[in-house]
């Protein structure tokens, strides 16, 4: 149980939500299978286990893990298009007339309804971890859209969910650029071997550098030309490595071997215990890491009135 991406949200609950209350709320938005004519469904499933009575939450040491599932029926566009063309050709040949757009759209709807029960089904999952004592929600998602889909469904289940994306007082690009100019970061963070530089002019160029020494003359030349750093690869205290962008989205998150080996020792041979051990260690690491990251980036921005 190790997240690979990270989008972080600040949670402001007036009253702490108990694990029991959260599970009851999630049960009102279960993940349902797609019906024969349903394109997509979305809801919550158990983070661990597949049995019908498996808990919809995994709670350990004050942290709670939840998982959402999207199920989709996949109809390849080429298959639909070929079927529509075939039907259209049959009508035009049989009735010696042209099939126009309105009728063609109707044929497409009929084709999709006929093909839907035979469409492939694809499942995709999104994990979220709640740290109520720290007022944070960590979501393992590569895009804000996927994260918001989970948060929106959670909001519907709870009735309200006061969250906002975490933000900092200073533009991350300014901090990233300064780190690269100085050849060092702060608060236990280390520069590694990847960055993205962007020209600030309208329609300016983008330079992506991978597996290179970021203190090289080439990188410094781009900085002297006025480019700013919009994405940067970092490591933290020999525990984490990741790529962070100017929206504070973290991708390619890796928990280093020292943590994974510790989780294996703590969890023993049982799969459920291994899951629990890795989840706890992951969360303890993240709640230690996030304050340092935010401080390194100039401190968290708290909107007025919050």
Foldseek 3Di string as FASTA:
>chain_A
DAFFWKFKKFFDDPDDDDPVNLQQLQVVFAFDEADLLRFKHKGWDPPDDDDPPHGQWDDDPQKIKGKMKMKGFDDDPVNLVVQLVVVQVVCCVVVVDHDDDVVSVVSSVVSCSVCSNVTDMDMDMKMWMDRVVLRMIIIRDPDPVVVVVVVVNSCVSVVHIDMDGWDAPDQLQVLQLVCLVVQAFDLQKHFDWWWKWFAPDVVTDIDTTGRHRSNDPVNVVSVVVPITTFKGWMAGPQQWTWIAGRSRITGRIDGHPVLLVVLCVQQDDDPVSSVVSSVVSNVVVVVVPVQSVRVRSHHIDDDPPD
